[in-house]
């Protein structure tokens, strides 16, 4: 019984920490397109500068990433192309 209570308390802390984390991030959605052809770039790396956080684009060149409020720069990397960095706007607008 003590083991079950400990697990329930631990789950409560985990859910609380997820809630706290979700309030301190901005969900960024975007599409990576090739400049000249305007075609989607499939499998491009979208990386949050200075962190191990990142994602890749899907078949339509789209991505989604949660960016912590204290981070501002997303970098797109793809073999054969120059890296491109953009500043994340954390405003509510």
Protein backbone atom coordinates (compact mmCIF):
# COMPACT_ATOMS: atom_id res chain seq x y z
CA UNK A 1 0.00 0.00 0.00
CA UNK A 2 2.86 2.39 0.82
CA UNK A 3 4.40 1.65 -2.57
CA UNK A 4 1.12 2.57 -4.33
CA UNK A 5 0.84 5.84 -2.39
CA UNK A 6 4.45 6.74 -3.25
CA UNK A 7 3.75 6.08 -6.94
CA UNK A 8 0.63 8.26 -6.87
CA UNK A 9 2.53 11.10 -5.21
CA UNK A 10 5.31 10.75 -7.77
CA UNK A 11 2.77 10.88 -10.62
CA UNK A 12 1.29 14.04 -9.08
CA UNK A 13 4.72 15.70 -9.11
CA UNK A 14 5.31 14.63 -12.71
CA UNK A 15 1.99 16.09 -13.90
CA UNK A 16 2.63 19.27 -11.94
CA UNK A 17 6.06 19.66 -13.52
CA UNK A 18 4.57 19.15 -17.02
CA UNK A 19 2.05 21.89 -16.27
CA UNK A 20 4.79 24.24 -15.06
CA UNK A 21 6.92 23.45 -18.11
CA UNK A 22 4.04 24.02 -20.52
CA UNK A 23 3.54 27.55 -19.20
CA UNK A 24 7.16 28.50 -19.84
CA UNK A 25 7.36 27.54 -23.53
CA UNK A 26 6.12 28.84 -26.85
CA UNK A 27 4.95 26.26 -29.37
CA UNK A 28 6.45 27.20 -32.72
CA UNK A 29 4.98 25.86 -35.96
CA UNK A 30 6.54 26.45 -39.34
CA UNK A 31 7.31 25.25 -42.83
CA UNK A 32 10.75 25.00 -44.42
CA UNK A 33 10.72 25.77 -48.15
CA UNK A 34 13.53 25.77 -50.71
CA UNK A 35 14.19 29.39 -51.68
CA UNK A 36 14.26 29.10 -55.49
CA UNK A 37 11.59 26.45 -56.14
CA UNK A 38 9.38 27.15 -53.09
CA UNK A 39 9.11 23.36 -52.60
CA UNK A 40 9.02 21.84 -49.08
CA UNK A 41 12.29 20.59 -47.63
CA UNK A 42 11.69 17.09 -46.24
CA UNK A 43 13.82 15.98 -43.27
CA UNK A 44 15.47 19.31 -42.48
CA UNK A 45 16.76 19.63 -38.91
CA UNK A 46 15.18 22.43 -36.86
CA UNK A 47 17.37 22.96 -33.80
CA UNK A 48 17.04 25.25 -30.79
CA UNK A 49 20.42 27.00 -30.59
CA UNK A 50 22.46 26.20 -27.50
CA UNK A 51 20.39 23.13 -26.57
CA UNK A 52 20.05 19.49 -27.61
CA UNK A 53 16.38 20.18 -28.50
CA UNK A 54 15.28 19.80 -32.08
CA UNK A 55 12.93 18.23 -34.58
CA UNK A 56 12.78 17.42 -38.29
CA UNK A 57 10.42 18.56 -41.00
CA UNK A 58 7.76 16.21 -42.31
CA UNK A 59 6.86 15.37 -45.93
CA UNK A 60 5.26 18.82 -46.33
CA UNK A 61 8.27 20.63 -44.85
CA UNK A 62 6.30 21.38 -41.66
CA UNK A 63 7.61 21.23 -38.09
CA UNK A 64 6.54 21.94 -34.53
CA UNK A 65 8.84 22.57 -31.57
CA UNK A 66 8.36 23.79 -27.99
CA UNK A 67 10.76 26.68 -27.34
CA UNK A 68 11.51 27.63 -23.70
CA UNK A 69 10.97 31.33 -22.91
CA UNK A 70 14.68 31.84 -22.20
CA UNK A 71 15.70 30.63 -25.69
CA UNK A 72 15.27 32.67 -28.85
CA UNK A 73 17.06 31.24 -31.89
CA UNK A 74 15.94 28.36 -34.12
CA UNK A 75 18.38 27.10 -36.74
CA UNK A 76 17.40 25.06 -39.80
CA UNK A 77 20.08 22.71 -41.14
CA UNK A 78 19.98 20.54 -44.24
CA UNK A 79 22.79 18.82 -46.11
CA UNK A 80 23.83 20.80 -49.18
CA UNK A 81 22.21 24.05 -47.99
CA UNK A 82 23.43 26.94 -45.86
CA UNK A 83 22.12 27.01 -42.28
CA UNK A 84 19.37 29.55 -41.62
CA UNK A 85 18.64 31.00 -38.15
CA UNK A 86 15.52 32.86 -37.05
CA UNK A 87 14.58 34.63 -33.83
CA UNK A 88 11.53 33.30 -31.98
CA UNK A 89 8.97 35.91 -30.93
CA UNK A 90 7.54 34.81 -27.55
CA UNK A 91 4.73 37.39 -27.51
CA UNK A 92 1.09 36.34 -27.13
CA UNK A 93 0.03 38.07 -30.37
